[in-house]
C-alpha atoms as a PDB file:
ATOM      1  CA  MET A   1      19.246  67.731 110.326  1.00  0.00           C
ATOM      2  CA  GLY A   2      22.383  66.367 108.720  1.00  0.00           C
ATOM      3  CA  GLY A   3      25.071  64.498 110.561  1.00  0.00           C
ATOM      4  CA  TYR A   4      28.006  66.712 109.657  1.00  0.00           C
ATOM      5  CA  LEU A   5      28.397  68.476 112.986  1.00  0.00           C
ATOM      6  CA  LYS A   6      27.588  66.384 115.992  1.00  0.00           C
ATOM      7  CA  SER A   7      28.792  66.466 119.540  1.00  0.00           C
ATOM      8  CA  LEU A   8      31.059  63.575 120.440  1.00  0.00           C
ATOM      9  CA  THR A   9      30.815  61.575 123.609  1.00  0.00           C
ATOM     10  CA  PRO A  10      33.951  61.425 125.754  1.00  0.00           C
ATOM     11  CA  THR A  11      34.510  57.871 124.478  1.00  0.00           C
ATOM     12  CA  GLU A  12      34.258  59.009 120.857  1.00  0.00           C
ATOM     13  CA  GLU A  13      36.688  61.866 121.571  1.00  0.00           C
ATOM     14  CA  LEU A  14      39.194  59.415 123.033  1.00  0.00           C
ATOM     15  CA  ALA A  15      38.813  57.134 120.015  1.00  0.00           C
ATOM     16  CA  GLY A  16      39.386  60.108 117.697  1.00  0.00           C
ATOM     17  CA  PHE A  17      42.532  61.033 119.616  1.00  0.00           C
ATOM     18  CA  LEU A  18      43.777  57.445 119.413  1.00  0.00           C
ATOM     19  CA  SER A  19      43.206  57.343 115.655  1.00  0.00           C
ATOM     20  CA  ILE A  20      45.148  60.599 115.141  1.00  0.00           C
ATOM     21  CA  ARG A  21      47.896  59.254 117.379  1.00  0.00           C
ATOM     22  CA  GLY A  22      47.883  56.034 115.349  1.00  0.00           C
ATOM     23  CA  MET A  23      48.407  57.942 112.110  1.00  0.00           C
ATOM     24  CA  CYS A  24      51.309  59.882 113.645  1.00  0.00           C
ATOM     25  CA  GLN A  25      52.847  56.634 114.881  1.00  0.00           C
ATOM     26  CA  ARG A  26      52.455  55.092 111.429  1.00  0.00           C
ATOM     27  CA  GLU A  27      54.205  58.046 109.805  1.00  0.00           C
ATOM     28  CA  ALA A  28      57.014  57.660 112.349  1.00  0.00           C
ATOM     29  CA  GLY A  29      57.410  53.989 111.392  1.00  0.00           C
ATOM     30  CA  GLN A  30      55.980  52.737 114.682  1.00  0.00           C
ATOM     31  CA  ILE A  31      53.637  50.246 113.041  1.00  0.00           C
ATOM     32  CA  GLY A  32      53.090  48.121 116.160  1.00  0.00           C
ATOM     33  CA  ASN A  33      52.135  51.131 118.269  1.00  0.00           C
ATOM     34  CA  ALA A  34      49.908  52.458 115.485  1.00  0.00           C
ATOM     35  CA  THR A  35      48.138  49.109 115.273  1.00  0.00           C
ATOM     36  CA  ASP A  36      47.555  49.164 119.027  1.00  0.00           C
ATOM     37  CA  SER A  37      46.154  52.718 118.881  1.00  0.00           C
ATOM     38  CA  PHE A  38      43.694  51.884 116.114  1.00  0.00           C
ATOM     39  CA  ALA A  39      42.695  48.620 117.779  1.00  0.00           C
ATOM     40  CA  ALA A  40      41.940  50.510 120.998  1.00  0.00           C
ATOM     41  CA  ALA A  41      39.895  53.086 119.062  1.00  0.00           C
ATOM     42  CA  ALA A  42      37.984  50.267 117.359  1.00  0.00           C
ATOM     43  CA  ARG A  43      37.180  48.688 120.724  1.00  0.00           C
ATOM     44  CA  LEU A  44      35.918  52.008 122.080  1.00  0.00           C
ATOM     45  CA  VAL A  45      33.665  52.789 119.121  1.00  0.00           C
ATOM     46  CA  ALA A  46      32.665  49.440 117.676  1.00  0.00           C
ATOM     47  CA  GLY A  47      30.357  51.077 115.130  1.00  0.00           C
ATOM     48  CA  CYS A  48      33.210  52.902 113.393  1.00  0.00           C
ATOM     49  CA  ALA A  49      34.469  50.603 110.652  1.00  0.00           C
ATOM     50  CA  SER A  50      37.392  52.858 109.692  1.00  0.00           C
ATOM     51  CA  TYR A  51      39.203  52.258 113.006  1.00  0.00           C
ATOM     52  CA  ARG A  52      38.863  48.489 112.594  1.00  0.00           C
ATOM     53  CA  ILE A  53      39.940  48.620 108.952  1.00  0.00           C
ATOM     54  CA  MET A  54      43.048  50.665 109.779  1.00  0.00           C
ATOM     55  CA  ALA A  55      43.989  48.262 112.589  1.00  0.00           C
ATOM     56  CA  GLU A  56      43.678  45.346 110.149  1.00  0.00           C
ATOM     57  CA  ARG A  57      45.701  47.118 107.445  1.00  0.00           C
ATOM     58  CA  LEU A  58      48.422  48.045 109.907  1.00  0.00           C
ATOM     59  CA  THR A  59      48.570  44.464 111.152  1.00  0.00           C
ATOM     60  CA  SER A  60      49.151  43.344 107.548  1.00  0.00           C
ATOM     61  CA  GLU A  61      51.668  46.121 106.955  1.00  0.00           C
ATOM     62  CA  GLY A  62      53.592  45.167 110.088  1.00  0.00           C
ATOM     63  CA  ALA A  63      53.641  41.522 109.075  1.00  0.00           C
ATOM     64  CA  ALA A  64      54.911  42.430 105.597  1.00  0.00           C
ATOM     65  CA  ARG A  65      57.671  44.578 107.079  1.00  0.00           C
ATOM     66  CA  ASN A  66      58.724  41.703 109.326  1.00  0.00           C
ATOM     67  CA  VAL A  67      58.955  39.349 106.341  1.00  0.00           C
ATOM     68  CA  ILE A  68      61.064  41.853 104.418  1.00  0.00           C
ATOM     69  CA  ARG A  69      63.306  42.489 107.441  1.00  0.00           C
ATOM     70  CA  THR A  70      63.820  38.739 107.946  1.00  0.00           C
ATOM     71  CA  LYS A  71      64.622  38.256 104.257  1.00  0.00           C
ATOM     72  CA  LEU A  72      67.141  41.093 104.319  1.00  0.00           C
ATOM     73  CA  GLN A  73      68.792  39.674 107.418  1.00  0.00           C
ATOM     74  CA  GLN A  74      69.078  36.253 105.778  1.00  0.00           C
ATOM     75  CA  ASP A  75      70.563  37.786 102.635  1.00  0.00           C
ATOM     76  CA  THR A  76      73.310  39.557 104.588  1.00  0.00           C
ATOM     77  CA  ARG A  77      74.537  36.379 106.259  1.00  0.00           C
END
């Protein structure tokens, strides 16, 4: 049988919830919270590369936003 429909364990369900929450937080501009949500999902389901990849991308995105924010603050002084 294919792997399209498979029952999730409670841990996998929680990780799925955390990833959806992370995407909502990202859309709301809450990059730090989104990073935390994806990192938690990645810890719960270590075999799911997409959670880890999103946590890494959000970490980079957050760092880039901090650099831009700092630069803008310096420019307004």
